[in-house]
Amino acid sequence: MSDTHTQRTRLAPSPTGALHLGNARTFLVNWAIARRERWSIVLRVEDLDGPRVKPEAIEGVCRTLAWLGIDWDTGPLVQSQDLGPCREAMGQLARAGRAYPSAVSRAEVESAASAPHPGDHEVWFGPQLRPAGWGAGRSFEDTGTAWRFVVPEGPEARVGFVDRFAGAQGVDVGGTVGDFVIWTRRGVPAYQLAVVVDDHRQGVTRVIRGDDLISSAGRQLLLWRALGLGPEPEYWHLPLVVGPDGRRLAKRHGDTRVDRYRGLGVPAEAVVGLCAWWCGMTPERRLMSAREFAAGLDVSMMPRAATVMGMEDEAWLHGCASRR
């Protein structure tokens, strides 16, 4: 397919590990909507996550997506291979007084926080922790110190947007995380900045991902606006696939890697069919190709709550392998 469409989305796996069934469902929905709506698709590998990055996983992720029947028009583009635009963005933010270096330790942040923020790995970084003398006219220097984004105070610290799936959203960035890290001590951009810069330069206009990233959308929109990047992406945040404990599907729930099922002889059509059942497309689990998934997906029928992967799902996949 030629890369000539006016709307573009991205598939953005991280090579910190293999794709699990929850990832597969989100990627399938993203891909299906894009193909139905004739959006272009960029495959972007987000590999800035420090020591957890597994370079060999990039190839594996591409193979897994292709096995499921997912294709793309551009890529794979690897984030770490071109950090120049992120450095330029940092320079712009520093000169405008929207970013500053901060060597404050996590312990110091925690001791200064007025209240904990349960469920978040970050702690609140309030304006009282900003260094003396910070302001406009500063140059960005990558000297092994983290840099933080200056979150506006008052009403501007709450970011509103209308999500195409989750509806109207209001993210209180100032009240939940405060000034957040956008450049790390390891000398690479943090996730929030890298995503914004890459989405803009790669022409991404539609972002489909899990609803655990709604809070990130607030931070990313603040950065988008501070950098003056123009029209903002349209967001679709989908409910997660979770384990029986209600937590996001992960290793603690057992091995739900797509490649594991493939190795057991489970056909791709079984994985796609299970994802279709989770999306409310079929009255029962059945084999389905990716093309059938794209043709039959009705986003309005998708459950609004998280989908629980249970023992019946696991047993059905194993059963599909045994019937081959």
Protein backbone atom coordinates (compact mmCIF):
# COMPACT_ATOMS: atom_id res chain seq x y z
CA MET A 1 0.00 0.00 0.00
CA SER A 2 1.40 3.42 -0.91
CA ASP A 3 2.14 5.85 1.90
CA THR A 4 -0.05 8.69 0.56
CA HIS A 5 -2.82 8.99 3.16
CA THR A 6 -3.58 12.20 5.01
CA GLN A 7 -4.15 10.44 8.34
CA ARG A 8 -1.49 8.33 9.97
CA THR A 9 -1.25 6.13 13.04
CA ARG A 10 1.62 4.21 14.56
CA LEU A 11 2.28 0.83 16.03
CA ALA A 12 4.86 1.45 18.74
CA PRO A 13 6.15 -1.73 20.39
CA SER A 14 9.00 -1.63 22.89
CA PRO A 15 11.79 -4.19 22.55
CA THR A 16 11.91 -4.81 26.30
CA GLY A 17 10.17 -8.12 25.82
CA ALA A 18 7.90 -10.12 23.53
CA LEU A 19 4.32 -9.11 22.76
CA HIS A 20 1.68 -10.60 25.04
CA LEU A 21 -2.00 -11.16 24.26
CA GLY A 22 -3.04 -7.76 25.61
CA ASN A 23 -0.57 -6.03 23.29
CA ALA A 24 -1.83 -8.17 20.41
CA ARG A 25 -5.42 -7.07 20.91
CA THR A 26 -4.51 -3.38 20.99
CA PHE A 27 -2.28 -3.67 17.91
CA LEU A 28 -4.99 -5.59 16.04
CA VAL A 29 -7.61 -2.96 16.81
CA ASN A 30 -5.23 -0.16 15.83
CA TRP A 31 -4.29 -1.90 12.59
CA ALA A 32 -7.89 -2.80 11.73
CA ILE A 33 -9.18 0.75 12.21
CA ALA A 34 -6.30 2.11 10.15
CA ARG A 35 -6.91 -0.27 7.28
CA ARG A 36 -10.67 0.35 7.37
CA GLU A 37 -10.22 4.14 7.46
CA ARG A 38 -7.31 4.10 4.98
CA TRP A 39 -4.83 5.63 7.40
CA SER A 40 -1.13 5.12 6.84
CA ILE A 41 0.68 3.03 9.46
CA VAL A 42 4.16 3.67 10.86
CA LEU A 43 5.95 0.93 12.79
CA ARG A 44 8.11 2.64 15.41
CA VAL A 45 10.27 0.74 17.83
CA GLU A 46 10.51 2.62 21.14
CA ASP A 47 13.87 1.43 22.46
CA LEU A 48 14.91 4.15 24.91
CA ASP A 49 14.13 2.19 28.06
CA GLY A 50 17.72 1.85 29.25
CA PRO A 51 19.16 -1.48 30.37
CA ARG A 52 15.90 -3.37 29.79
CA VAL A 53 16.16 -2.95 26.01
CA LYS A 54 16.76 -6.15 24.09
CA PRO A 55 18.00 -5.25 20.60
CA GLU A 56 17.30 -8.73 19.25
CA ALA A 57 13.65 -8.29 20.21
CA ILE A 58 13.10 -5.73 17.43
CA GLU A 59 13.27 -8.44 14.80
CA GLY A 60 11.13 -10.71 16.94
CA VAL A 61 8.39 -8.10 17.35
CA CYS A 62 8.24 -7.57 13.58
CA ARG A 63 7.99 -11.32 13.00
CA THR A 64 5.21 -11.66 15.56
CA LEU A 65 3.15 -8.82 14.09
CA ALA A 66 3.54 -10.26 10.59
CA TRP A 67 2.53 -13.73 11.85
CA LEU A 68 -0.69 -12.26 13.22
CA GLY A 69 -1.39 -10.69 9.82
CA ILE A 70 -0.52 -7.11 10.77
CA ASP A 71 1.34 -5.04 8.19
CA TRP A 72 2.55 -1.44 8.01
CA ASP A 73 3.54 1.16 5.42
CA THR A 74 6.66 2.74 6.93
CA GLY A 75 9.36 1.33 9.18
CA PRO A 76 10.47 -0.11 11.41
CA LEU A 77 11.82 3.23 12.59
CA VAL A 78 14.01 2.91 15.69
CA GLN A 79 13.83 5.80 18.16
CA SER A 80 17.42 5.62 19.38
CA GLN A 81 18.86 5.95 15.88
CA ASP A 82 18.03 9.66 15.59
CA LEU A 83 17.84 11.71 18.78
CA GLY A 84 18.71 15.01 17.10
CA PRO A 85 15.10 16.28 16.94
CA CYS A 86 14.65 15.54 20.67
CA ARG A 87 17.78 17.54 21.46
CA GLU A 88 16.44 20.41 19.37
CA ALA A 89 13.14 20.27 21.26
CA MET A 90 15.02 20.35 24.56
CA GLY A 91 16.91 23.44 23.43
CA GLN A 92 13.64 25.15 22.53
CA LEU A 93 12.04 24.32 25.88
CA ALA A 94 15.11 25.41 27.85
CA ARG A 95 15.36 28.75 26.03
CA ALA A 96 11.66 29.40 26.67
CA GLY A 97 12.00 28.64 30.39
CA ARG A 98 9.83 25.54 30.09
CA ALA A 99 12.52 23.05 31.20
CA TYR A 100 15.29 23.00 33.77
CA PRO A 101 17.97 20.59 35.05
CA SER A 102 17.21 18.96 38.39
CA ALA A 103 19.46 16.77 40.51
CA VAL A 104 16.86 16.36 43.27
CA SER A 105 16.81 12.74 44.46
CA ARG A 106 13.69 10.60 44.69
CA ALA A 107 14.04 10.58 48.47
CA GLU A 108 14.05 14.38 48.52
CA VAL A 109 11.00 14.47 46.25
CA GLU A 110 9.14 12.01 48.47
CA SER A 111 9.95 13.93 51.62
CA ALA A 112 8.68 17.16 50.05
CA ALA A 113 5.46 15.68 48.67
CA SER A 114 2.36 16.62 50.59
CA ALA A 115 0.54 13.39 49.72
CA PRO A 116 1.31 10.08 48.07
CA HIS A 117 -0.06 9.21 44.65
CA PRO A 118 -1.18 5.59 44.81
CA GLY A 119 -0.89 3.45 41.70
CA ASP A 120 1.74 5.67 40.10
CA HIS A 121 5.45 4.90 39.99
CA GLU A 122 6.14 8.63 40.07
CA VAL A 123 5.85 10.97 43.02
CA TRP A 124 4.57 14.51 42.86
CA PHE A 125 7.23 17.08 41.96
CA GLY A 126 5.82 20.43 43.02
CA PRO A 127 6.95 23.93 42.00
CA GLN A 128 8.68 24.38 45.37
CA LEU A 129 11.33 21.89 44.19
CA ARG A 130 12.36 23.93 41.17
CA PRO A 131 15.97 25.20 41.39
CA ALA A 132 16.69 28.79 42.23
CA GLY A 133 17.33 30.96 39.22
CA TRP A 134 15.55 28.78 36.67
CA GLY A 135 13.88 30.64 33.82
CA ALA A 136 14.05 31.62 30.17
CA GLY A 137 17.26 32.01 28.23
CA ARG A 138 18.93 28.83 29.49
CA SER A 139 20.87 26.55 27.15
CA PHE A 140 20.22 22.83 27.14
CA GLU A 141 23.26 20.85 28.21
CA ASP A 142 23.31 17.07 28.46
CA THR A 143 25.64 16.69 31.44
CA GLY A 144 24.23 13.61 33.15
CA THR A 145 21.48 15.51 34.97
CA ALA A 146 17.78 14.93 34.48
CA TRP A 147 15.71 17.76 33.00
CA ARG A 148 12.09 18.41 33.97
CA PHE A 149 9.25 20.13 32.17
CA VAL A 150 7.67 23.14 33.85
CA VAL A 151 4.00 22.26 34.30
CA PRO A 152 1.79 25.37 34.41
CA GLU A 153 0.18 26.24 37.69
CA GLY A 154 -3.53 26.87 38.16
CA PRO A 155 -6.22 25.86 35.64
CA GLU A 156 -3.68 25.33 32.84
CA ALA A 157 -2.24 22.39 34.77
CA ARG A 158 -5.42 20.44 33.96
CA VAL A 159 -5.45 19.19 30.36
CA GLY A 160 -8.76 18.45 28.69
CA PHE A 161 -9.32 16.51 25.48
CA VAL A 162 -12.02 14.40 23.88
CA ASP A 163 -11.01 10.78 23.42
CA ARG A 164 -12.69 8.99 20.51
CA PHE A 165 -13.29 5.89 22.63
CA ALA A 166 -13.10 6.94 26.28
CA GLY A 167 -14.94 10.27 25.87
CA ALA A 168 -14.15 13.61 27.48
CA GLN A 169 -11.05 13.55 29.65
CA GLY A 170 -9.45 15.91 32.13
CA VAL A 171 -5.94 15.10 33.32
CA ASP A 172 -4.67 17.12 36.29
CA VAL A 173 -0.95 16.97 35.47
CA GLY A 174 -0.06 19.65 38.00
CA GLY A 175 -1.89 17.94 40.84
CA THR A 176 -0.79 14.37 40.14
CA VAL A 177 2.83 14.39 38.91
CA GLY A 178 3.86 18.05 38.68
CA ASP A 179 7.07 18.82 36.80
CA PHE A 180 7.94 15.56 35.05
CA VAL A 181 11.21 14.29 33.62
CA ILE A 182 11.69 14.82 29.88
CA TRP A 183 15.45 14.12 29.64
CA THR A 184 17.12 11.42 31.69
CA ARG A 185 20.46 11.19 33.47
CA ARG A 186 21.42 8.49 30.95
CA GLY A 187 21.55 11.11 28.22
CA VAL A 188 18.40 10.09 26.33
CA PRO A 189 14.95 11.67 26.11
CA ALA A 190 12.30 10.36 28.46
CA TYR A 191 9.28 8.55 27.00
CA GLN A 192 6.96 11.57 27.14
CA LEU A 193 9.23 13.85 25.10
CA ALA A 194 10.36 11.20 22.62
CA VAL A 195 6.77 10.21 21.82
CA VAL A 196 5.71 13.80 21.18
CA VAL A 197 8.71 14.65 18.99
CA ASP A 198 8.45 11.43 16.98
CA ASP A 199 4.67 11.62 16.54
CA HIS A 200 5.05 15.13 15.14
CA ARG A 201 7.97 14.51 12.80
CA GLN A 202 6.49 11.23 11.56
CA GLY A 203 3.14 12.86 10.83
CA VAL A 204 1.11 10.79 13.31
CA THR A 205 -2.44 12.15 13.58
CA ARG A 206 -4.21 9.20 15.27
CA VAL A 207 -3.00 7.44 18.43
CA ILE A 208 -4.66 4.19 19.55
CA ARG A 209 -3.37 2.55 22.74
CA GLY A 210 -4.34 1.25 26.19
CA ASP A 211 -6.24 3.43 28.62
CA ASP A 212 -3.45 3.12 31.18
CA LEU A 213 -1.81 5.87 29.11
CA ILE A 214 -4.59 8.46 29.46
CA SER A 215 -2.51 10.24 32.10
CA SER A 216 0.42 10.29 29.67
CA ALA A 217 -1.80 11.97 27.08
CA GLY A 218 -2.12 14.95 29.43
CA ARG A 219 1.65 15.32 29.70
CA GLN A 220 2.16 14.79 25.99
CA LEU A 221 -0.40 17.44 25.09
CA LEU A 222 1.30 19.94 27.41
CA LEU A 223 4.58 19.27 25.60
CA TRP A 224 2.91 19.41 22.19
CA ARG A 225 1.50 22.86 23.00
CA ALA A 226 4.70 24.17 24.59
CA LEU A 227 6.63 23.23 21.46
CA GLY A 228 4.03 24.87 19.22
CA LEU A 229 3.56 21.77 17.08
CA GLY A 230 0.16 22.67 15.65
CA PRO A 231 -2.87 20.35 15.31
CA GLU A 232 -2.86 17.73 18.06
CA PRO A 233 -3.27 13.99 17.52
CA GLU A 234 -6.64 12.39 18.03
CA TYR A 235 -6.57 9.81 20.83
CA TRP A 236 -8.36 6.48 21.18
CA HIS A 237 -7.66 4.87 24.58
CA LEU A 238 -8.89 1.28 24.82
CA PRO A 239 -9.58 -0.73 28.00
CA LEU A 240 -6.79 -3.11 28.93
CA VAL A 241 -6.69 -6.88 28.99
CA VAL A 242 -6.11 -7.79 32.64
CA GLY A 243 -5.50 -10.89 34.71
CA PRO A 244 -7.97 -12.40 37.22
CA ASP A 245 -6.61 -9.98 39.85
CA GLY A 246 -7.70 -7.00 37.76
CA ARG A 247 -4.14 -5.86 37.07
CA ARG A 248 -2.70 -5.29 33.61
CA LEU A 249 -1.70 -8.53 31.92
CA ALA A 250 1.95 -9.24 32.76
CA LYS A 251 4.41 -11.98 33.76
CA ARG A 252 2.74 -12.32 37.16
CA HIS A 253 -0.22 -13.90 35.33
CA GLY A 254 1.90 -16.54 33.64
CA ASP A 255 3.39 -16.69 30.18
CA THR A 256 0.93 -15.00 27.81
CA ARG A 257 3.47 -14.16 25.12
CA VAL A 258 2.13 -14.53 21.60
CA ASP A 259 5.33 -16.33 20.61
CA ARG A 260 4.76 -18.94 23.32
CA TYR A 261 1.40 -19.87 21.84
CA ARG A 262 2.91 -19.91 18.38
CA GLY A 263 5.60 -22.29 19.63
CA LEU A 264 2.92 -24.58 21.07
CA GLY A 265 1.32 -24.85 17.65
CA VAL A 266 -1.54 -22.42 18.26
CA PRO A 267 -2.49 -20.91 14.88
CA ALA A 268 -2.48 -17.15 14.40
CA GLU A 269 -6.20 -17.37 13.64
CA ALA A 270 -6.81 -18.57 17.21
CA VAL A 271 -5.03 -15.58 18.76
CA VAL A 272 -6.87 -13.21 16.43
CA GLY A 273 -10.16 -15.00 17.13
CA LEU A 274 -9.70 -14.68 20.89
CA CYS A 275 -8.99 -10.96 20.47
CA ALA A 276 -12.14 -10.66 18.34
CA TRP A 277 -14.20 -12.32 21.09
CA TRP A 278 -12.69 -9.92 23.63
CA CYS A 279 -13.76 -7.05 21.33
CA GLY A 280 -17.37 -8.23 21.32
CA MET A 281 -17.25 -9.27 17.66
CA THR A 282 -18.40 -12.88 18.06
CA PRO A 283 -20.80 -14.70 20.42
CA GLU A 284 -18.12 -17.32 21.10
CA ARG A 285 -14.44 -17.89 20.52
CA ARG A 286 -13.64 -19.01 16.97
CA LEU A 287 -10.77 -18.95 14.49
CA MET A 288 -10.47 -15.73 12.52
CA SER A 289 -7.92 -14.19 10.16
CA ALA A 290 -6.63 -10.66 10.57
CA ARG A 291 -8.48 -9.62 7.40
CA GLU A 292 -11.74 -10.97 8.83
CA PHE A 293 -11.00 -9.10 12.05
CA ALA A 294 -10.54 -5.83 10.14
CA ALA A 295 -13.74 -6.38 8.15
CA GLY A 296 -15.85 -7.25 11.20
CA LEU A 297 -14.57 -4.87 13.88
CA ASP A 298 -17.21 -2.50 15.26
CA VAL A 299 -15.56 -0.27 17.84
CA SER A 300 -18.95 0.71 19.28
CA MET A 301 -19.45 -2.93 20.36
CA MET A 302 -16.19 -3.14 22.31
CA PRO A 303 -16.58 -3.51 26.08
CA ARG A 304 -16.01 -0.27 27.98
CA ALA A 305 -14.48 -2.07 30.94
CA ALA A 306 -11.25 -4.05 31.12
CA THR A 307 -11.29 -7.54 29.65
CA VAL A 308 -10.28 -10.35 32.00
CA MET A 309 -8.22 -13.17 30.52
CA GLY A 310 -9.33 -16.31 32.30
CA MET A 311 -8.48 -19.99 32.40
CA GLU A 312 -11.12 -20.68 29.74
CA ASP A 313 -9.26 -18.46 27.28
CA GLU A 314 -6.00 -20.26 27.96
CA ALA A 315 -7.67 -23.66 27.60
CA TRP A 316 -9.29 -22.66 24.31
CA LEU A 317 -5.95 -21.61 22.81
CA HIS A 318 -4.36 -24.89 23.88
CA GLY A 319 -7.31 -26.72 22.38
CA CYS A 320 -6.76 -25.00 19.06
CA ALA A 321 -3.18 -26.26 19.05
CA SER A 322 -4.20 -29.84 19.79
CA ARG A 323 -6.71 -29.87 16.91
CA ARG A 324 -4.10 -29.02 14.28
